Amino acid sequence: MNESLGMACLRGLAGSARRVALVDAGMGGRKIKAGLLLGAGLALARRIKKEESGPRVGVVLPPGAGGTIANLGCVLAGKTPVNLNFTVGRAVSDSSAKQAGLRTVITAKAMEEKLGEQFPEAGRRLDLGNMLKHGKGEAVFWAVLALLLPASWLAWLGKVPQEGGDREAGLLFTSGSTGDPKGVVLTHGNLLANLRQIDGVLGNLQLSSVLGCLPLFHSFGFTATLWWPLTGGPRVVTYPSPLDPQALGEVIAKHEIDLVVTTPTFLRALMRRAGREKLEKLKMVVTGAEKLSGALREEFVEKIGVKVYEGYGMTEGSPVIAVNRPGAEKAGTVGKLVKGLEVRTVDEETGEVLQTGKPGILEFRGPNIFPGYLGRTDLTEKVLREGWYHSADFGRLDEDGFLTIEGRRARFSKIGGEMVPHGLVEEYLTKWLKGKGVLHEGTQEVMVTAVEDEKKGEALVVLYACELDAMEAEKGLREMGVPNLWIPKKYVSVKVVPMLASGKLDLAAGRKLAQSS
């Protein structure tokens, strides 16, 4: 299929123009029907074409009606929306804007005021509010046409590009958890393939609504809670931030949301701040971005009465790679691969392809795998090998087809010739600290990182933001049976453990803190 993302959105919205496609919970719960959403997108697309002749347009907006319409307008105009990460500091966002060659950015006055001097340098700024206000009549006109005309006629009248294929449709920048941002180019074919894969996993579960609070610069927020609802998926209920668990609990209860996709860190806070009363009607909860601990999975079922399913993805995979679901789940794994995707494991040192079931570096091949990094053929050649994407993760596929992730390569240290997993050491420490009763609810207060060591290659360092005695911690870990090589010898007190807006640990910032201590 060579369809464009814009055409897929047009068909998805025009085909059910009278249904409510989006509820903006951050703006008082305003309900927007699919036809009007499409009308606003088509009206904005005409304006974008006049304002920007280049191939890309920046977007600095949170999840909501505004962010959705801005992205929709871009793809209907045949432009690539570039959602800039405005939470990582000016230097990183400026780097992303420069790499993308942005000359125009769509935003809102409220965002400009909120960010102030931290607003990305991404060319001239177009105020979305003004554009929508002046295009209101045109938006209504297109919305009426959406009720009367077939999608093909609308596309012709609106001059929406109908073919996409291998052309660029999205450009996302990596979160920077392991270094400088890299531009991940996603094609129309990549995104539409992943949308079909998501629908293949979740489409028959009768999920009528999904919470859209993940940032639009986050790969899952971009694909699953932005484009999936616009191309025929469930209604999306948006909220501008995943960081307010109490407000999110209210939104989930009030709008009777069926599906929540989040990170374990955010889920823990949601469970403890929102509680059973607000969350018990959820039909499905999926976590990704970091490992879901068995303790959190069990605690959520016990306190809320809803199962949590672990999934796995990456920006380079558009992003969904695998997910557990009702009827096809196995605790401790991230589920089965989405349809059409292949996986194999290779030896990190030799590159030799290993037998199925043997752990190694994971490589993936399929229609949702990206074609390369923006302007970085050197990095692209390192990770794309004869059609296979060489990931940064260790894992294995079991005999039942379930994928287990054993850790990120960046989250391992080679100490005395042995690979030591930072995440697993964190789990042991967290379990020990919980037994001591010193951890605060809903926060990440321990992070394991590493620094160079002349004798053993690397040495583990624990960053902690709670009450912790190093000697007691070492003793506690030994009593738990943790291998001696895995037991950290250096502990650094910090005000907060560094986190990214996506809910992941900020690995680069953590390592810098450890090195400077």
Protein backbone atom coordinates (compact mmCIF):
# COMPACT_ATOMS: atom_id res chain seq x y z
CA MET A 1 0.00 0.00 0.00
CA ASN A 2 1.46 3.34 -1.08
CA GLU A 3 -1.06 5.61 0.67
CA SER A 4 0.03 8.80 2.43
CA LEU A 5 -0.50 9.39 6.13
CA GLY A 6 -2.56 12.48 5.28
CA MET A 7 -4.87 10.45 3.05
CA ALA A 8 -5.27 7.78 5.75
CA CYS A 9 -6.29 10.50 8.24
CA LEU A 10 -8.71 12.02 5.75
CA ARG A 11 -10.38 8.67 5.14
CA GLY A 12 -10.48 7.83 8.85
CA LEU A 13 -12.09 11.13 9.82
CA ALA A 14 -14.41 11.58 6.84
CA GLY A 15 -15.64 8.00 7.16
CA SER A 16 -17.15 8.76 10.59
CA ALA A 17 -17.55 12.53 10.47
CA ARG A 18 -20.34 12.62 13.07
CA ARG A 19 -18.53 10.71 15.82
CA VAL A 20 -16.57 12.44 18.57
CA ALA A 21 -12.93 11.82 17.68
CA LEU A 22 -11.22 13.95 20.34
CA VAL A 23 -12.03 15.22 23.81
CA ASP A 24 -9.69 17.94 25.06
CA ALA A 25 -9.74 17.37 28.83
CA GLY A 26 -7.12 20.08 29.30
CA MET A 27 -9.54 22.64 27.83
CA GLY A 28 -12.62 21.87 29.88
CA GLY A 29 -13.53 18.63 28.13
CA ARG A 30 -14.36 20.15 24.75
CA LYS A 31 -15.65 17.47 22.36
CA ILE A 32 -14.63 17.67 18.70
CA LYS A 33 -16.30 15.58 16.06
CA ALA A 34 -14.24 13.90 13.36
CA GLY A 35 -15.70 16.05 10.59
CA LEU A 36 -14.82 19.32 12.31
CA LEU A 37 -11.36 18.03 13.20
CA LEU A 38 -10.81 17.22 9.52
CA GLY A 39 -12.22 20.60 8.50
CA ALA A 40 -9.83 22.45 10.81
CA GLY A 41 -6.95 20.35 9.50
CA LEU A 42 -7.76 21.07 5.84
CA ALA A 43 -8.18 24.79 6.51
CA LEU A 44 -4.86 24.89 8.37
CA ALA A 45 -3.15 22.89 5.60
CA ARG A 46 -4.00 25.62 3.07
CA ARG A 47 -2.47 28.23 5.36
CA ILE A 48 0.65 26.13 5.98
CA LYS A 49 1.26 25.79 2.23
CA LYS A 50 1.19 29.57 1.89
CA GLU A 51 3.49 30.18 4.86
CA GLU A 52 6.12 27.45 4.32
CA SER A 53 7.52 26.18 1.03
CA GLY A 54 10.00 23.82 2.67
CA PRO A 55 9.37 20.15 3.48
CA ARG A 56 9.17 20.41 7.31
CA VAL A 57 7.29 22.46 9.90
CA GLY A 58 8.13 22.60 13.60
CA VAL A 59 5.47 22.11 16.26
CA VAL A 60 5.84 23.21 19.88
CA LEU A 61 2.57 22.21 21.53
CA PRO A 62 1.40 19.75 24.20
CA PRO A 63 -1.15 16.96 23.60
CA GLY A 64 -4.58 18.47 22.95
CA ALA A 65 -6.83 19.74 20.19
CA GLY A 66 -4.22 22.31 19.16
CA GLY A 67 -1.33 19.86 18.89
CA THR A 68 -3.53 17.38 17.01
CA ILE A 69 -4.79 19.93 14.48
CA ALA A 70 -1.27 21.33 13.94
CA ASN A 71 0.13 17.88 13.12
CA LEU A 72 -2.91 16.99 11.01
CA GLY A 73 -2.62 20.22 9.06
CA CYS A 74 1.02 19.46 8.30
CA VAL A 75 0.43 15.99 6.85
CA LEU A 76 -2.63 17.16 4.89
CA ALA A 77 -0.39 19.86 3.40
CA GLY A 78 2.25 17.28 2.49
CA LYS A 79 4.70 18.57 5.12
CA THR A 80 6.59 16.66 7.80
CA PRO A 81 5.61 17.77 11.32
CA VAL A 82 8.63 17.99 13.64
CA ASN A 83 7.44 18.00 17.26
CA LEU A 84 10.26 19.52 19.27
CA ASN A 85 11.06 18.35 22.78
CA PHE A 86 10.67 21.53 24.82
CA THR A 87 11.48 19.82 28.16
CA VAL A 88 15.15 19.02 27.62
CA GLY A 89 16.62 22.51 27.58
CA ARG A 90 17.36 25.05 24.90
CA ALA A 91 20.61 23.52 23.61
CA VAL A 92 19.06 20.14 22.79
CA SER A 93 15.89 21.55 21.21
CA ASP A 94 17.93 24.06 19.18
CA SER A 95 20.11 21.21 17.93
CA SER A 96 17.02 19.31 16.80
CA ALA A 97 15.56 22.36 15.03
CA LYS A 98 18.86 23.05 13.27
CA GLN A 99 19.27 19.44 12.14
CA ALA A 100 15.73 19.50 10.75
CA GLY A 101 16.37 22.76 8.90
CA LEU A 102 13.26 24.34 10.40
CA ARG A 103 12.24 27.81 9.27
CA THR A 104 8.70 27.86 10.69
CA VAL A 105 7.21 26.60 13.94
CA ILE A 106 3.56 26.36 14.94
CA THR A 107 2.92 27.14 18.59
CA ALA A 108 0.63 29.06 20.93
CA LYS A 109 1.12 32.24 22.94
CA ALA A 110 0.69 30.29 26.16
CA MET A 111 3.61 28.02 25.20
CA GLU A 112 5.81 31.00 24.32
CA GLU A 113 5.06 32.61 27.67
CA LYS A 114 5.59 29.38 29.59
CA LEU A 115 8.94 28.55 27.96
CA GLY A 116 10.28 32.09 27.75
CA GLU A 117 13.97 32.03 26.87
CA GLN A 118 13.86 28.22 26.71
CA PHE A 119 11.65 28.33 23.61
CA PRO A 120 13.47 26.54 20.74
CA GLU A 121 15.13 28.63 18.05
CA ALA A 122 13.14 27.14 15.18
CA GLY A 123 12.49 30.07 12.83
CA ARG A 124 9.45 32.32 12.77
CA ARG A 125 6.56 31.46 15.02
CA LEU A 126 3.00 31.02 13.80
CA ASP A 127 0.32 31.33 16.47
CA LEU A 128 -2.10 28.43 16.07
CA GLY A 129 -4.90 30.26 17.88
CA ASN A 130 -4.84 33.12 15.40
CA MET A 131 -4.70 30.78 12.41
CA LEU A 132 -7.67 28.74 13.65
CA LYS A 133 -9.64 31.89 14.46
CA HIS A 134 -9.18 33.37 11.00
CA GLY A 135 -9.84 30.00 9.35
CA LYS A 136 -12.96 29.15 11.37
CA GLY A 137 -15.40 29.70 8.49
CA GLU A 138 -13.27 27.66 6.12
CA ALA A 139 -13.00 24.85 8.70
CA VAL A 140 -16.80 24.67 8.99
CA PHE A 141 -17.08 24.65 5.17
CA TRP A 142 -14.73 21.67 4.92
CA ALA A 143 -16.53 19.92 7.79
CA VAL A 144 -19.83 20.19 5.88
CA LEU A 145 -18.17 18.82 2.76
CA ALA A 146 -16.87 15.89 4.83
CA LEU A 147 -20.49 14.96 5.52
CA LEU A 148 -21.49 15.18 1.86
CA LEU A 149 -18.59 14.07 -0.30
CA PRO A 150 -16.58 10.85 -0.63
CA ALA A 151 -13.00 10.92 0.70
CA SER A 152 -11.48 10.86 -2.81
CA TRP A 153 -13.32 14.07 -3.76
CA LEU A 154 -12.29 15.77 -0.51
CA ALA A 155 -8.67 14.82 -1.15
CA TRP A 156 -8.84 16.23 -4.68
CA LEU A 157 -10.47 19.49 -3.57
CA GLY A 158 -8.07 19.87 -0.63
CA LYS A 159 -5.03 18.92 -2.73
CA VAL A 160 -4.02 16.30 -0.19
CA PRO A 161 -1.08 14.16 -1.37
CA GLN A 162 -2.47 10.66 -1.87
CA GLU A 163 0.76 8.68 -2.15
CA GLY A 164 3.34 8.30 0.58
CA GLY A 165 5.41 5.12 0.50
CA ASP A 166 9.07 5.70 1.31
CA ARG A 167 8.77 9.47 1.59
CA GLU A 168 9.38 11.10 4.99
CA ALA A 169 6.20 11.51 7.06
CA GLY A 170 7.59 12.06 10.54
CA LEU A 171 10.85 13.18 12.11
CA LEU A 172 11.37 12.42 15.78
CA PHE A 173 14.46 13.13 17.82
CA THR A 174 15.67 10.57 20.31
CA SER A 175 15.12 11.54 23.91
CA GLY A 176 18.80 12.05 24.58
CA SER A 177 18.87 9.47 27.40
CA THR A 178 22.21 8.21 26.10
CA GLY A 179 23.60 11.37 24.45
CA ASP A 180 22.85 14.03 21.82
CA PRO A 181 19.54 13.80 19.95
CA LYS A 182 19.44 11.89 16.67
CA GLY A 183 16.81 12.57 14.04
CA VAL A 184 14.82 9.40 13.35
CA VAL A 185 13.21 9.57 9.92
CA LEU A 186 9.90 7.70 9.69
CA THR A 187 8.24 7.18 6.32
CA HIS A 188 4.54 7.08 5.44
CA GLY A 189 4.98 3.33 4.99
CA ASN A 190 6.59 2.95 8.43
CA LEU A 191 3.87 4.79 10.30
CA LEU A 192 0.94 3.25 8.44
CA ALA A 193 2.44 -0.23 8.87
CA ASN A 194 2.77 0.32 12.62
CA LEU A 195 -0.78 1.67 12.85
CA ARG A 196 -2.03 -1.51 11.18
CA GLN A 197 0.13 -3.55 13.58
CA ILE A 198 -1.30 -1.70 16.60
CA ASP A 199 -4.81 -2.22 15.30
CA GLY A 200 -4.01 -5.90 14.79
CA VAL A 201 -3.12 -6.25 18.46
CA LEU A 202 -5.73 -3.98 20.06
CA GLY A 203 -8.37 -3.43 17.39
CA ASN A 204 -10.70 -6.29 18.38
CA LEU A 205 -10.65 -5.55 22.12
CA GLN A 206 -13.52 -3.06 21.81
CA LEU A 207 -11.54 -0.15 23.24
CA SER A 208 -13.61 2.97 22.59
CA SER A 209 -11.23 5.54 24.06
CA VAL A 210 -7.54 6.04 24.81
CA LEU A 211 -5.80 8.56 27.07
CA GLY A 212 -3.52 10.89 25.12
CA CYS A 213 -1.17 12.52 27.62
CA LEU A 214 2.23 11.42 26.34
CA PRO A 215 4.14 14.25 24.62
CA LEU A 216 3.80 14.50 20.84
CA PHE A 217 7.60 14.41 20.57
CA HIS A 218 7.49 10.97 22.23
CA SER A 219 7.31 8.17 19.67
CA PHE A 220 4.30 6.46 21.27
CA GLY A 221 2.51 9.77 21.76
CA PHE A 222 3.18 10.54 18.10
CA THR A 223 1.96 7.26 16.63
CA ALA A 224 -0.50 5.58 18.98
CA THR A 225 -2.30 8.49 20.64
CA LEU A 226 -2.06 10.97 17.74
CA TRP A 227 -2.33 9.11 14.42
CA TRP A 228 -4.17 5.97 15.55
CA PRO A 229 -7.35 7.87 16.58
CA LEU A 230 -7.15 10.02 13.41
CA THR A 231 -6.95 7.02 11.09
CA GLY A 232 -9.95 5.17 12.51
CA GLY A 233 -8.83 4.06 15.97
CA PRO A 234 -10.55 4.84 19.28
CA ARG A 235 -11.54 8.31 20.47
CA VAL A 236 -8.64 10.10 22.15
CA VAL A 237 -9.08 12.02 25.40
CA THR A 238 -6.15 14.41 25.68
CA TYR A 239 -4.46 16.00 28.66
CA PRO A 240 -1.37 18.23 28.29
CA SER A 241 0.97 16.33 30.63
CA PRO A 242 1.56 12.84 32.06
CA LEU A 243 3.05 14.38 35.22
CA ASP A 244 -0.17 15.18 37.11
CA PRO A 245 -1.51 11.82 38.34
CA GLN A 246 -4.31 13.32 40.43
CA ALA A 247 -5.72 15.27 37.45
CA LEU A 248 -5.26 12.26 35.16
CA GLY A 249 -7.26 10.11 37.56
CA GLU A 250 -10.12 12.62 37.35
CA VAL A 251 -9.91 12.62 33.55
CA ILE A 252 -9.90 8.82 33.34
CA ALA A 253 -12.95 8.52 35.59
CA LYS A 254 -14.94 11.42 34.13
CA HIS A 255 -14.49 10.38 30.50
CA GLU A 256 -14.64 6.62 31.17
CA ILE A 257 -11.37 5.95 29.37
CA ASP A 258 -10.75 2.36 28.31
CA LEU A 259 -7.02 2.29 27.49
CA VAL A 260 -4.06 3.92 29.21
CA VAL A 261 -0.54 3.62 27.82
CA THR A 262 2.18 4.91 30.11
CA THR A 263 5.52 4.15 31.74
CA PRO A 264 5.88 2.17 35.00
CA THR A 265 7.12 5.33 36.74
CA PHE A 266 4.00 7.29 35.78
CA LEU A 267 1.74 4.30 36.46
CA ARG A 268 3.03 3.93 40.01
CA ALA A 269 2.24 7.58 40.72
CA LEU A 270 -1.19 7.25 39.07
CA MET A 271 -2.03 4.18 41.16
CA ARG A 272 -1.17 5.90 44.43
CA ARG A 273 -2.62 9.34 43.72
CA ALA A 274 -5.77 8.39 41.79
CA GLY A 275 -6.71 5.10 43.45
CA ARG A 276 -9.23 2.38 42.73
CA GLU A 277 -12.29 4.63 42.64
CA LYS A 278 -11.04 6.51 39.58
CA LEU A 279 -9.20 3.71 37.78
CA GLU A 280 -11.21 0.54 38.31
CA LYS A 281 -13.25 0.93 35.09
CA LEU A 282 -10.18 0.86 32.86
CA LYS A 283 -10.28 -2.04 30.40
CA MET A 284 -6.57 -2.17 29.68
CA VAL A 285 -3.28 -0.66 30.85
CA VAL A 286 -0.08 -1.04 28.81
CA THR A 287 3.37 0.05 29.96
CA GLY A 288 6.56 0.59 28.00
CA ALA A 289 9.80 2.64 27.85
CA GLU A 290 11.21 0.89 30.94
CA LYS A 291 10.92 -2.51 32.58
CA LEU A 292 7.67 -3.31 34.40
CA SER A 293 8.52 -4.92 37.73
CA GLY A 294 6.55 -7.90 38.90
CA ALA A 295 5.89 -6.08 42.18
CA LEU A 296 4.21 -3.13 40.45
CA ARG A 297 2.16 -5.44 38.22
CA GLU A 298 0.88 -7.35 41.24
CA GLU A 299 0.29 -4.24 43.34
CA PHE A 300 -1.78 -2.60 40.58
CA VAL A 301 -4.02 -5.66 40.25
CA GLU A 302 -4.40 -5.87 44.02
CA LYS A 303 -5.17 -2.18 44.59
CA ILE A 304 -7.00 -1.25 41.36
CA GLY A 305 -8.38 -4.58 40.11
CA VAL A 306 -7.05 -4.03 36.55
CA LYS A 307 -4.34 -6.03 34.75
CA VAL A 308 -1.21 -4.34 33.45
CA TYR A 309 0.29 -5.55 30.16
CA GLU A 310 3.92 -4.87 29.32
CA GLY A 311 4.90 -3.80 25.81
CA TYR A 312 8.09 -2.80 24.04
CA GLY A 313 8.99 -0.31 21.38
CA MET A 314 11.57 2.12 20.08
CA THR A 315 11.49 5.27 17.99
CA GLU A 316 13.25 3.44 15.15
CA GLY A 317 10.37 0.93 15.10
CA SER A 318 7.67 3.60 14.67
CA PRO A 319 7.55 2.57 17.67
CA VAL A 320 5.54 -0.56 18.65
CA ILE A 321 7.55 -3.80 18.46
CA ALA A 322 5.81 -6.23 20.81
CA VAL A 323 3.03 -6.23 23.39
CA ASN A 324 1.23 -8.56 25.76
CA ARG A 325 -2.54 -8.61 25.44
CA PRO A 326 -5.53 -10.56 26.82
CA GLY A 327 -5.28 -14.12 25.58
CA ALA A 328 -1.62 -13.76 24.60
CA GLU A 329 0.45 -12.82 27.61
CA LYS A 330 3.38 -14.06 29.66
CA ALA A 331 4.61 -12.30 32.78
CA GLY A 332 8.19 -11.08 32.61
CA THR A 333 8.11 -10.76 28.82
CA VAL A 334 7.08 -7.84 26.59
CA GLY A 335 4.72 -10.05 24.61
CA LYS A 336 4.66 -11.30 21.04
CA LEU A 337 5.97 -9.37 18.06
CA VAL A 338 3.50 -7.31 16.04
CA LYS A 339 2.49 -8.82 12.69
CA GLY A 340 5.03 -8.69 9.88
CA LEU A 341 8.05 -8.10 12.12
CA GLU A 342 11.01 -10.49 12.43
CA VAL A 343 13.57 -10.72 15.22
CA ARG A 344 16.90 -12.44 15.70
CA THR A 345 19.70 -12.26 18.26
CA VAL A 346 23.37 -11.75 17.49
CA ASP A 347 26.56 -12.04 19.51
CA GLU A 348 27.71 -8.56 20.55
CA GLU A 349 31.40 -9.28 20.00
CA THR A 350 31.33 -11.32 16.77
CA GLY A 351 28.01 -10.36 15.18
CA GLU A 352 27.23 -14.05 14.72
CA VAL A 353 23.51 -14.84 14.41
CA LEU A 354 22.48 -16.99 17.38
CA GLN A 355 19.96 -19.80 17.59
CA THR A 356 16.40 -18.88 18.54
CA GLY A 357 16.11 -18.81 22.32
CA LYS A 358 19.71 -17.73 22.94
CA PRO A 359 20.09 -14.23 24.41
CA GLY A 360 21.98 -11.59 22.49
CA ILE A 361 21.66 -8.17 20.90
CA LEU A 362 18.22 -7.93 19.31
CA GLU A 363 17.88 -7.20 15.60
CA PHE A 364 14.57 -6.47 13.87
CA ARG A 365 13.34 -6.43 10.28
CA GLY A 366 9.91 -5.35 9.05
CA PRO A 367 7.79 -2.62 7.43
CA ASN A 368 7.80 -0.41 10.55
CA ILE A 369 11.60 -0.22 10.81
CA PHE A 370 12.96 3.23 9.94
CA PRO A 371 15.21 3.90 6.90
CA GLY A 372 17.91 5.82 8.79
CA TYR A 373 19.01 8.81 10.87
CA LEU A 374 18.71 12.32 9.48
CA GLY A 375 21.99 13.40 7.90
CA ARG A 376 23.97 10.68 9.71
CA THR A 377 24.92 7.96 7.26
CA ASP A 378 27.70 6.95 9.68
CA LEU A 379 25.22 6.14 12.44
CA THR A 380 22.74 4.61 10.00
CA GLU A 381 25.35 2.18 8.65
CA LYS A 382 26.14 1.05 12.21
CA VAL A 383 22.56 0.03 12.99
CA LEU A 384 21.04 -0.99 9.64
CA ARG A 385 22.65 -4.13 8.27
CA GLU A 386 21.15 -5.82 5.23
CA GLY A 387 17.67 -4.71 6.23
CA TRP A 388 18.08 -5.63 9.91
CA TYR A 389 18.00 -2.95 12.61
CA HIS A 390 20.72 -3.59 15.20
CA SER A 391 19.15 -2.36 18.44
CA ALA A 392 20.69 -1.30 21.73
CA ASP A 393 18.90 -4.02 23.69
CA PHE A 394 19.77 -7.49 24.97
CA GLY A 395 16.99 -10.05 24.80
CA ARG A 396 15.72 -13.39 23.56
CA LEU A 397 12.67 -14.99 21.95
CA ASP A 398 11.32 -18.04 23.73
CA GLU A 399 9.79 -21.20 22.28
CA ASP A 400 6.27 -19.73 22.57
CA GLY A 401 7.14 -16.62 20.59
CA PHE A 402 7.32 -14.24 23.58
CA LEU A 403 10.10 -11.65 23.67
CA THR A 404 12.10 -10.99 26.83
CA ILE A 405 14.20 -7.84 27.21
CA GLU A 406 17.16 -8.35 29.49
CA GLY A 407 18.42 -4.77 29.38
CA ARG A 408 19.76 -1.93 27.28
CA ARG A 409 23.34 -2.17 26.14
CA ALA A 410 23.79 1.33 27.59
CA ARG A 411 22.52 -0.02 30.91
CA PHE A 412 25.14 -2.76 31.23
CA SER A 413 28.67 -2.49 32.52
CA LYS A 414 31.46 -4.88 31.70
CA ILE A 415 33.15 -5.46 35.06
CA GLY A 416 35.87 -8.04 35.38
CA GLY A 417 34.80 -9.51 32.04
CA GLU A 418 31.15 -9.95 33.13
CA MET A 419 28.14 -7.98 31.88
CA VAL A 420 26.38 -6.42 34.89
CA PRO A 421 22.80 -5.14 34.34
CA HIS A 422 22.14 -1.75 35.95
CA GLY A 423 18.38 -2.24 35.94
CA LEU A 424 18.52 -5.51 37.85
CA VAL A 425 20.83 -4.01 40.49
CA GLU A 426 18.30 -1.14 40.81
CA GLU A 427 15.52 -3.68 41.38
CA TYR A 428 17.47 -5.36 44.20
CA LEU A 429 18.23 -1.98 45.81
CA THR A 430 14.62 -0.85 45.50
CA LYS A 431 13.39 -4.08 47.09
CA TRP A 432 15.85 -3.68 49.98
CA LEU A 433 14.92 -0.01 50.49
CA LYS A 434 11.21 -0.84 50.47
CA GLY A 435 11.88 -3.32 53.25
CA LYS A 436 13.49 -0.46 55.18
CA GLY A 437 10.42 1.74 54.56
CA VAL A 438 12.40 4.76 53.32
CA LEU A 439 11.12 5.12 49.75
CA HIS A 440 8.55 7.78 48.91
CA GLU A 441 5.49 6.67 46.97
CA GLY A 442 5.26 7.39 43.23
CA THR A 443 8.87 8.50 42.73
CA GLN A 444 12.08 7.02 41.37
CA GLU A 445 14.70 7.52 44.05
CA VAL A 446 17.47 5.15 42.99
CA MET A 447 19.51 4.99 39.79
CA VAL A 448 22.47 2.79 38.97
CA THR A 449 25.03 4.11 36.51
CA ALA A 450 28.76 3.59 35.97
CA VAL A 451 32.08 5.38 35.63
CA GLU A 452 35.40 4.24 34.21
CA ASP A 453 37.64 2.19 36.48
CA GLU A 454 41.31 1.51 35.82
CA LYS A 455 41.31 -1.95 37.40
CA LYS A 456 37.98 -3.45 36.30
CA GLY A 457 37.01 -1.33 33.30
CA GLU A 458 33.94 0.18 34.94
CA ALA A 459 32.59 0.69 38.45
CA LEU A 460 28.93 0.92 39.45
CA VAL A 461 27.68 4.12 41.07
CA VAL A 462 24.33 4.51 42.84
CA LEU A 463 22.55 7.88 42.72
CA TYR A 464 19.98 8.09 45.49
CA ALA A 465 17.41 10.66 46.64
CA CYS A 466 16.30 8.95 49.86
CA GLU A 467 17.75 7.88 53.19
CA LEU A 468 20.51 5.37 52.44
CA ASP A 469 23.59 4.15 54.26
CA ALA A 470 26.19 2.74 51.86
CA MET A 471 27.57 0.11 54.24
CA GLU A 472 24.08 -1.09 55.14
CA ALA A 473 23.12 -1.23 51.47
CA GLU A 474 26.15 -3.36 50.59
CA LYS A 475 25.38 -5.72 53.45
CA GLY A 476 21.71 -5.89 52.48
CA LEU A 477 22.51 -6.77 48.87
CA ARG A 478 24.89 -9.54 49.94
CA GLU A 479 22.23 -11.00 52.22
CA MET A 480 19.85 -11.03 49.24
CA GLY A 481 22.33 -13.18 47.33
CA VAL A 482 23.42 -10.52 44.85
CA PRO A 483 26.75 -11.49 43.21
CA ASN A 484 29.70 -9.62 44.67
CA LEU A 485 30.65 -8.20 41.26
CA TRP A 486 27.19 -6.61 41.04
CA ILE A 487 27.32 -4.82 44.38
CA PRO A 488 28.05 -1.06 43.99
CA LYS A 489 30.79 0.41 46.14
CA LYS A 490 30.09 4.11 45.47
CA TYR A 491 26.91 5.97 46.47
CA VAL A 492 26.10 9.59 45.58
CA SER A 493 23.31 11.58 47.23
CA VAL A 494 21.27 13.74 44.80
CA LYS A 495 18.23 16.00 45.22
CA VAL A 496 16.32 14.12 42.53
CA VAL A 497 17.16 11.22 40.25
CA PRO A 498 17.42 12.67 36.71
CA MET A 499 14.38 11.83 34.57
CA LEU A 500 13.26 12.67 31.04
CA ALA A 501 9.78 13.99 30.19
CA SER A 502 8.97 10.60 28.68
CA GLY A 503 9.28 8.98 32.11
CA LYS A 504 12.60 7.30 31.36
CA LEU A 505 15.74 7.70 33.41
CA ASP A 506 18.03 10.35 31.94
CA LEU A 507 21.04 8.09 31.47
CA ALA A 508 23.36 10.80 30.13
CA ALA A 509 22.63 13.19 33.01
CA GLY A 510 22.99 10.39 35.55
CA ARG A 511 26.39 9.39 34.22
CA LYS A 512 27.56 13.03 34.32
CA LEU A 513 26.48 13.32 37.95
CA ALA A 514 28.39 10.16 38.80
CA GLN A 515 31.51 11.34 36.97
CA SER A 516 31.51 14.74 38.66
CA SER A 517 31.10 13.32 42.18
